Amino acid sequence: EVFEIKDILESFGGHPMACGLSIRSDKVEDFRQ
């Protein structure tokens, strides 16, 4: 699910039950929505 919108993120990785990510603070609301 997160991989489908990974363009919002700076970095991303994980598996079906867990993930790790980094994101610009001004993009958090967009990511949540």
ModelCIF file with pLDDT and N, C-alpha, C, O atoms, coordinates in Angstrom:
data_MODEL
#
_entry.id   MODEL 
#
_entity.id                         1 
_entity.type                       polymer 
_entity.pdbx_number_of_molecules   1 
#
_entity_poly.entity_id                      1 
_entity_poly.type                           'polypeptide(L)' 
_entity_poly.nstd_linkage                   no 
_entity_poly.nstd_monomer                   no 
_entity_poly.pdbx_seq_one_letter_code       EVFEIKDILESFGGHPMACGLSIRSDKVEDFRQ 
_entity_poly.pdbx_seq_one_letter_code_can   EVFEIKDILESFGGHPMACGLSIRSDKVEDFRQ 
_entity_poly.pdbx_strand_id                 A 
#
loop_
_entity_poly_seq.entity_id 
_entity_poly_seq.num 
_entity_poly_seq.mon_id 
_entity_poly_seq.hetero 
1 1  GLU n 
1 2  VAL n 
1 3  PHE n 
1 4  GLU n 
1 5  ILE n 
1 6  LYS n 
1 7  ASP n 
1 8  ILE n 
1 9  LEU n 
1 10 GLU n 
1 11 SER n 
1 12 PHE n 
1 13 GLY n 
1 14 GLY n 
1 15 HIS n 
1 16 PRO n 
1 17 MET n 
1 18 ALA n 
1 19 CYS n 
1 20 GLY n 
1 21 LEU n 
1 22 SER n 
1 23 ILE n 
1 24 ARG n 
1 25 SER n 
1 26 ASP n 
1 27 LYS n 
1 28 VAL n 
1 29 GLU n 
1 30 ASP n 
1 31 PHE n 
1 32 ARG n 
1 33 GLN n 
#
_struct_asym.id          A 
_struct_asym.entity_id   1 
#
loop_
_ma_qa_metric.id 
_ma_qa_metric.mode 
_ma_qa_metric.name 
_ma_qa_metric.software_group_id 
_ma_qa_metric.type 
1 global pLDDT . pLDDT 
2 local  pLDDT . pLDDT 
#
_ma_qa_metric_global.metric_id      1 
_ma_qa_metric_global.metric_value   95.97 
_ma_qa_metric_global.model_id       1 
_ma_qa_metric_global.ordinal_id     1 
#
loop_
_ma_qa_metric_local.label_asym_id 
_ma_qa_metric_local.label_comp_id 
_ma_qa_metric_local.label_seq_id 
_ma_qa_metric_local.metric_id 
_ma_qa_metric_local.metric_value 
_ma_qa_metric_local.model_id 
_ma_qa_metric_local.ordinal_id 
A GLU 1  2 97.00 1 1  
A VAL 2  2 97.00 1 2  
A PHE 3  2 96.00 1 3  
A GLU 4  2 96.00 1 4  
A ILE 5  2 96.00 1 5  
A LYS 6  2 94.00 1 6  
A ASP 7  2 95.00 1 7  
A ILE 8  2 95.00 1 8  
A LEU 9  2 97.00 1 9  
A GLU 10 2 96.00 1 10 
A SER 11 2 96.00 1 11 
A PHE 12 2 96.00 1 12 
A GLY 13 2 96.00 1 13 
A GLY 14 2 95.00 1 14 
A HIS 15 2 94.00 1 15 
A PRO 16 2 94.00 1 16 
A MET 17 2 94.00 1 17 
A ALA 18 2 96.00 1 18 
A CYS 19 2 96.00 1 19 
A GLY 20 2 96.00 1 20 
A LEU 21 2 97.00 1 21 
A SER 22 2 97.00 1 22 
A ILE 23 2 97.00 1 23 
A ARG 24 2 97.00 1 24 
A SER 25 2 95.00 1 25 
A ASP 26 2 95.00 1 26 
A LYS 27 2 97.00 1 27 
A VAL 28 2 96.00 1 28 
A GLU 29 2 96.00 1 29 
A ASP 30 2 97.00 1 30 
A PHE 31 2 97.00 1 31 
A ARG 32 2 97.00 1 32 
A GLN 33 2 97.00 1 33 
#
loop_
_atom_site.group_PDB 
_atom_site.id 
_atom_site.type_symbol 
_atom_site.label_atom_id 
_atom_site.label_alt_id 
_atom_site.label_comp_id 
_atom_site.label_asym_id 
_atom_site.label_entity_id 
_atom_site.label_seq_id 
_atom_site.pdbx_PDB_ins_code 
_atom_site.Cartn_x 
_atom_site.Cartn_y 
_atom_site.Cartn_z 
_atom_site.occupancy 
_atom_site.B_iso_or_equiv 
_atom_site.pdbx_formal_charge 
_atom_site.auth_seq_id 
_atom_site.auth_comp_id 
_atom_site.auth_asym_id 
_atom_site.auth_atom_id 
_atom_site.pdbx_PDB_model_num 
ATOM 1   N N  . GLU A 1 1  ? 0.814  -1.212 0.000  1.00 97.00 ? 1  GLU A N  1 
ATOM 2   C CA . GLU A 1 1  ? 0.000  0.000  0.000  1.00 97.00 ? 1  GLU A CA 1 
ATOM 3   C C  . GLU A 1 1  ? 0.852  1.268  0.000  1.00 97.00 ? 1  GLU A C  1 
ATOM 4   O O  . GLU A 1 1  ? 0.543  2.223  -0.712 1.00 97.00 ? 1  GLU A O  1 
ATOM 5   N N  . VAL A 1 2  ? 1.920  1.279  0.793  1.00 97.00 ? 2  VAL A N  1 
ATOM 6   C CA . VAL A 1 2  ? 2.787  2.465  0.832  1.00 97.00 ? 2  VAL A CA 1 
ATOM 7   C C  . VAL A 1 2  ? 3.615  2.558  -0.448 1.00 97.00 ? 2  VAL A C  1 
ATOM 8   O O  . VAL A 1 2  ? 3.886  3.656  -0.935 1.00 97.00 ? 2  VAL A O  1 
ATOM 9   N N  . PHE A 1 3  ? 4.016  1.413  -0.992 1.00 96.00 ? 3  PHE A N  1 
ATOM 10  C CA . PHE A 1 3  ? 4.829  1.397  -2.219 1.00 96.00 ? 3  PHE A CA 1 
ATOM 11  C C  . PHE A 1 3  ? 4.106  2.105  -3.370 1.00 96.00 ? 3  PHE A C  1 
ATOM 12  O O  . PHE A 1 3  ? 4.739  2.744  -4.211 1.00 96.00 ? 3  PHE A O  1 
ATOM 13  N N  . GLU A 1 4  ? 2.776  1.984  -3.396 1.00 96.00 ? 4  GLU A N  1 
ATOM 14  C CA . GLU A 1 4  ? 1.988  2.594  -4.472 1.00 96.00 ? 4  GLU A CA 1 
ATOM 15  C C  . GLU A 1 4  ? 2.061  4.123  -4.474 1.00 96.00 ? 4  GLU A C  1 
ATOM 16  O O  . GLU A 1 4  ? 1.810  4.755  -5.500 1.00 96.00 ? 4  GLU A O  1 
ATOM 17  N N  . ILE A 1 5  ? 2.409  4.724  -3.314 1.00 96.00 ? 5  ILE A N  1 
ATOM 18  C CA . ILE A 1 5  ? 2.529  6.191  -3.258 1.00 96.00 ? 5  ILE A CA 1 
ATOM 19  C C  . ILE A 1 5  ? 3.931  6.591  -2.771 1.00 96.00 ? 5  ILE A C  1 
ATOM 20  O O  . ILE A 1 5  ? 4.115  7.627  -2.132 1.00 96.00 ? 5  ILE A O  1 
ATOM 21  N N  . LYS A 1 6  ? 4.898  5.743  -3.090 1.00 94.00 ? 6  LYS A N  1 
ATOM 22  C CA . LYS A 1 6  ? 6.262  5.960  -2.593 1.00 94.00 ? 6  LYS A CA 1 
ATOM 23  C C  . LYS A 1 6  ? 6.902  7.232  -3.137 1.00 94.00 ? 6  LYS A C  1 
ATOM 24  O O  . LYS A 1 6  ? 7.902  7.697  -2.591 1.00 94.00 ? 6  LYS A O  1 
ATOM 25  N N  . ASP A 1 7  ? 6.340  7.805  -4.210 1.00 95.00 ? 7  ASP A N  1 
ATOM 26  C CA . ASP A 1 7  ? 6.900  9.033  -4.776 1.00 95.00 ? 7  ASP A CA 1 
ATOM 27  C C  . ASP A 1 7  ? 6.820  10.198 -3.789 1.00 95.00 ? 7  ASP A C  1 
ATOM 28  O O  . ASP A 1 7  ? 7.575  11.163 -3.909 1.00 95.00 ? 7  ASP A O  1 
ATOM 29  N N  . ILE A 1 8  ? 5.911  10.114 -2.815 1.00 95.00 ? 8  ILE A N  1 
ATOM 30  C CA . ILE A 1 8  ? 5.799  11.148 -1.786 1.00 95.00 ? 8  ILE A CA 1 
ATOM 31  C C  . ILE A 1 8  ? 6.978  11.069 -0.827 1.00 95.00 ? 8  ILE A C  1 
ATOM 32  O O  . ILE A 1 8  ? 7.332  12.059 -0.186 1.00 95.00 ? 8  ILE A O  1 
ATOM 33  N N  . LEU A 1 9  ? 7.587  9.886  -0.728 1.00 97.00 ? 9  LEU A N  1 
ATOM 34  C CA . LEU A 1 9  ? 8.601  9.617  0.286  1.00 97.00 ? 9  LEU A CA 1 
ATOM 35  C C  . LEU A 1 9  ? 10.020 9.883  -0.214 1.00 97.00 ? 9  LEU A C  1 
ATOM 36  O O  . LEU A 1 9  ? 10.282 9.916  -1.416 1.00 97.00 ? 9  LEU A O  1 
ATOM 37  N N  . GLU A 1 10 ? 10.919 10.071 0.741  1.00 96.00 ? 10 GLU A N  1 
ATOM 38  C CA . GLU A 1 10 ? 12.340 10.204 0.441  1.00 96.00 ? 10 GLU A CA 1 
ATOM 39  C C  . GLU A 1 10 ? 12.996 8.830  0.339  1.00 96.00 ? 10 GLU A C  1 
ATOM 40  O O  . GLU A 1 10 ? 13.870 8.614  -0.501 1.00 96.00 ? 10 GLU A O  1 
ATOM 41  N N  . SER A 1 11 ? 12.572 7.904  1.197  1.00 96.00 ? 11 SER A N  1 
ATOM 42  C CA . SER A 1 11 ? 13.071 6.530  1.155  1.00 96.00 ? 11 SER A CA 1 
ATOM 43  C C  . SER A 1 11 ? 12.016 5.621  1.764  1.00 96.00 ? 11 SER A C  1 
ATOM 44  O O  . SER A 1 11 ? 11.167 6.060  2.540  1.00 96.00 ? 11 SER A O  1 
ATOM 45  N N  . PHE A 1 12 ? 12.086 4.333  1.393  1.00 96.00 ? 12 PHE A N  1 
ATOM 46  C CA . PHE A 1 12 ? 11.066 3.400  1.856  1.00 96.00 ? 12 PHE A CA 1 
ATOM 47  C C  . PHE A 1 12 ? 11.539 1.964  1.696  1.00 96.00 ? 12 PHE A C  1 
ATOM 48  O O  . PHE A 1 12 ? 12.244 1.636  0.741  1.00 96.00 ? 12 PHE A O  1 
ATOM 49  N N  . GLY A 1 13 ? 11.145 1.105  2.642  1.00 96.00 ? 13 GLY A N  1 
ATOM 50  C CA . GLY A 1 13 ? 11.429 -0.316 2.543  1.00 96.00 ? 13 GLY A CA 1 
ATOM 51  C C  . GLY A 1 13 ? 10.588 -1.069 3.551  1.00 96.00 ? 13 GLY A C  1 
ATOM 52  O O  . GLY A 1 13 ? 10.005 -0.468 4.454  1.00 96.00 ? 13 GLY A O  1 
ATOM 53  N N  . GLY A 1 14 ? 10.522 -2.390 3.401  1.00 95.00 ? 14 GLY A N  1 
ATOM 54  C CA . GLY A 1 14 ? 9.760  -3.147 4.383  1.00 95.00 ? 14 GLY A CA 1 
ATOM 55  C C  . GLY A 1 14 ? 9.236  -4.462 3.861  1.00 95.00 ? 14 GLY A C  1 
ATOM 56  O O  . GLY A 1 14 ? 9.788  -5.028 2.917  1.00 95.00 ? 14 GLY A O  1 
ATOM 57  N N  . HIS A 1 15 ? 8.167  -4.953 4.475  1.00 94.00 ? 15 HIS A N  1 
ATOM 58  C CA . HIS A 1 15 ? 7.503  -6.197 4.082  1.00 94.00 ? 15 HIS A CA 1 
ATOM 59  C C  . HIS A 1 15 ? 6.031  -6.072 4.470  1.00 94.00 ? 15 HIS A C  1 
ATOM 60  O O  . HIS A 1 15 ? 5.649  -5.046 5.033  1.00 94.00 ? 15 HIS A O  1 
ATOM 61  N N  . PRO A 1 16 ? 5.185  -7.071 4.192  1.00 94.00 ? 16 PRO A N  1 
ATOM 62  C CA . PRO A 1 16 ? 3.737  -6.906 4.398  1.00 94.00 ? 16 PRO A CA 1 
ATOM 63  C C  . PRO A 1 16 ? 3.304  -6.452 5.793  1.00 94.00 ? 16 PRO A C  1 
ATOM 64  O O  . PRO A 1 16 ? 2.261  -5.813 5.930  1.00 94.00 ? 16 PRO A O  1 
ATOM 65  N N  . MET A 1 17 ? 4.090  -6.771 6.836  1.00 94.00 ? 17 MET A N  1 
ATOM 66  C CA . MET A 1 17 ? 3.667  -6.455 8.202  1.00 94.00 ? 17 MET A CA 1 
ATOM 67  C C  . MET A 1 17 ? 4.412  -5.282 8.828  1.00 94.00 ? 17 MET A C  1 
ATOM 68  O O  . MET A 1 17 ? 4.062  -4.858 9.930  1.00 94.00 ? 17 MET A O  1 
ATOM 69  N N  . ALA A 1 18 ? 5.425  -4.749 8.159  1.00 96.00 ? 18 ALA A N  1 
ATOM 70  C CA . ALA A 1 18 ? 6.196  -3.647 8.752  1.00 96.00 ? 18 ALA A CA 1 
ATOM 71  C C  . ALA A 1 18 ? 6.915  -2.864 7.658  1.00 96.00 ? 18 ALA A C  1 
ATOM 72  O O  . ALA A 1 18 ? 7.184  -3.384 6.575  1.00 96.00 ? 18 ALA A O  1 
ATOM 73  N N  . CYS A 1 19 ? 7.219  -1.600 7.965  1.00 96.00 ? 19 CYS A N  1 
ATOM 74  C CA . CYS A 1 19 ? 7.955  -0.787 6.994  1.00 96.00 ? 19 CYS A CA 1 
ATOM 75  C C  . CYS A 1 19 ? 8.773  0.271  7.722  1.00 96.00 ? 19 CYS A C  1 
ATOM 76  O O  . CYS A 1 19 ? 8.535  0.578  8.890  1.00 96.00 ? 19 CYS A O  1 
ATOM 77  N N  . GLY A 1 20 ? 9.733  0.811  7.005  1.00 96.00 ? 20 GLY A N  1 
ATOM 78  C CA . GLY A 1 20 ? 10.503 1.949  7.473  1.00 96.00 ? 20 GLY A CA 1 
ATOM 79  C C  . GLY A 1 20 ? 10.503 2.991  6.369  1.00 96.00 ? 20 GLY A C  1 
ATOM 80  O O  . GLY A 1 20 ? 10.514 2.647  5.187  1.00 96.00 ? 20 GLY A O  1 
ATOM 81  N N  . LEU A 1 21 ? 10.492 4.270  6.749  1.00 97.00 ? 21 LEU A N  1 
ATOM 82  C CA . LEU A 1 21 ? 10.405 5.303  5.712  1.00 97.00 ? 21 LEU A CA 1 
ATOM 83  C C  . LEU A 1 21 ? 10.984 6.625  6.197  1.00 97.00 ? 21 LEU A C  1 
ATOM 84  O O  . LEU A 1 21 ? 11.189 6.839  7.392  1.00 97.00 ? 21 LEU A O  1 
ATOM 85  N N  . SER A 1 22 ? 11.241 7.506  5.232  1.00 97.00 ? 22 SER A N  1 
ATOM 86  C CA . SER A 1 22 ? 11.569 8.896  5.543  1.00 97.00 ? 22 SER A CA 1 
ATOM 87  C C  . SER A 1 22 ? 10.753 9.779  4.609  1.00 97.00 ? 22 SER A C  1 
ATOM 88  O O  . SER A 1 22 ? 10.469 9.399  3.473  1.00 97.00 ? 22 SER A O  1 
ATOM 89  N N  . ILE A 1 23 ? 10.378 10.959 5.094  1.00 97.00 ? 23 ILE A N  1 
ATOM 90  C CA . ILE A 1 23 ? 9.481  11.834 4.356  1.00 97.00 ? 23 ILE A CA 1 
ATOM 91  C C  . ILE A 1 23 ? 9.737  13.286 4.759  1.00 97.00 ? 23 ILE A C  1 
ATOM 92  O O  . ILE A 1 23 ? 10.109 13.562 5.900  1.00 97.00 ? 23 ILE A O  1 
ATOM 93  N N  . ARG A 1 24 ? 9.538  14.205 3.828  1.00 97.00 ? 24 ARG A N  1 
ATOM 94  C CA . ARG A 1 24 ? 9.641  15.620 4.164  1.00 97.00 ? 24 ARG A CA 1 
ATOM 95  C C  . ARG A 1 24 ? 8.460  15.988 5.064  1.00 97.00 ? 24 ARG A C  1 
ATOM 96  O O  . ARG A 1 24 ? 7.340  15.529 4.841  1.00 97.00 ? 24 ARG A O  1 
ATOM 97  N N  . SER A 1 25 ? 8.707  16.805 6.065  1.00 95.00 ? 25 SER A N  1 
ATOM 98  C CA . SER A 1 25 ? 7.671  17.149 7.049  1.00 95.00 ? 25 SER A CA 1 
ATOM 99  C C  . SER A 1 25 ? 6.470  17.834 6.410  1.00 95.00 ? 25 SER A C  1 
ATOM 100 O O  . SER A 1 25 ? 5.351  17.712 6.909  1.00 95.00 ? 25 SER A O  1 
ATOM 101 N N  . ASP A 1 26 ? 6.689  18.560 5.303  1.00 95.00 ? 26 ASP A N  1 
ATOM 102 C CA . ASP A 1 26 ? 5.573  19.261 4.667  1.00 95.00 ? 26 ASP A CA 1 
ATOM 103 C C  . ASP A 1 26 ? 4.717  18.343 3.795  1.00 95.00 ? 26 ASP A C  1 
ATOM 104 O O  . ASP A 1 26 ? 3.737  18.792 3.201  1.00 95.00 ? 26 ASP A O  1 
ATOM 105 N N  . LYS A 1 27 ? 5.079  17.068 3.714  1.00 97.00 ? 27 LYS A N  1 
ATOM 106 C CA . LYS A 1 27 ? 4.306  16.123 2.906  1.00 97.00 ? 27 LYS A CA 1 
ATOM 107 C C  . LYS A 1 27 ? 3.551  15.099 3.753  1.00 97.00 ? 27 LYS A C  1 
ATOM 108 O O  . LYS A 1 27 ? 2.900  14.207 3.209  1.00 97.00 ? 27 LYS A O  1 
ATOM 109 N N  . VAL A 1 28 ? 3.633  15.220 5.072  1.00 96.00 ? 28 VAL A N  1 
ATOM 110 C CA . VAL A 1 28 ? 3.010  14.227 5.953  1.00 96.00 ? 28 VAL A CA 1 
ATOM 111 C C  . VAL A 1 28 ? 1.489  14.198 5.783  1.00 96.00 ? 28 VAL A C  1 
ATOM 112 O O  . VAL A 1 28 ? 0.896  13.122 5.698  1.00 96.00 ? 28 VAL A O  1 
ATOM 113 N N  . GLU A 1 29 ? 0.852  15.383 5.733  1.00 96.00 ? 29 GLU A N  1 
ATOM 114 C CA . GLU A 1 29 ? -0.605 15.431 5.610  1.00 96.00 ? 29 GLU A CA 1 
ATOM 115 C C  . GLU A 1 29 ? -1.069 14.818 4.293  1.00 96.00 ? 29 GLU A C  1 
ATOM 116 O O  . GLU A 1 29 ? -2.064 14.094 4.256  1.00 96.00 ? 29 GLU A O  1 
ATOM 117 N N  . ASP A 1 30 ? -0.346 15.108 3.216  1.00 97.00 ? 30 ASP A N  1 
ATOM 118 C CA . ASP A 1 30 ? -0.670 14.531 1.913  1.00 97.00 ? 30 ASP A CA 1 
ATOM 119 C C  . ASP A 1 30 ? -0.534 13.012 1.957  1.00 97.00 ? 30 ASP A C  1 
ATOM 120 O O  . ASP A 1 30 ? -1.367 12.287 1.412  1.00 97.00 ? 30 ASP A O  1 
ATOM 121 N N  . PHE A 1 31 ? 0.507  12.548 2.600  1.00 97.00 ? 31 PHE A N  1 
ATOM 122 C CA . PHE A 1 31 ? 0.758  11.112 2.758  1.00 97.00 ? 31 PHE A CA 1 
ATOM 123 C C  . PHE A 1 31 ? -0.374 10.460 3.546  1.00 97.00 ? 31 PHE A C  1 
ATOM 124 O O  . PHE A 1 31 ? -0.882 9.410  3.153  1.00 97.00 ? 31 PHE A O  1 
ATOM 125 N N  . ARG A 1 32 ? -0.767 11.079 4.652  1.00 97.00 ? 32 ARG A N  1 
ATOM 126 C CA . ARG A 1 32 ? -1.851 10.546 5.491  1.00 97.00 ? 32 ARG A CA 1 
ATOM 127 C C  . ARG A 1 32 ? -3.159 10.452 4.696  1.00 97.00 ? 32 ARG A C  1 
ATOM 128 O O  . ARG A 1 32 ? -3.859 9.441  4.747  1.00 97.00 ? 32 ARG A O  1 
ATOM 129 N N  . GLN A 1 33 ? -3.470 11.517 3.968  1.00 97.00 ? 33 GLN A N  1 
ATOM 130 C CA . GLN A 1 33 ? -4.733 11.556 3.236  1.00 97.00 ? 33 GLN A CA 1 
ATOM 131 C C  . GLN A 1 33 ? -4.752 10.525 2.104  1.00 97.00 ? 33 GLN A C  1 
ATOM 132 O O  . GLN A 1 33 ? -5.742 10.419 1.381  1.00 97.00 ? 33 GLN A O  1 
#
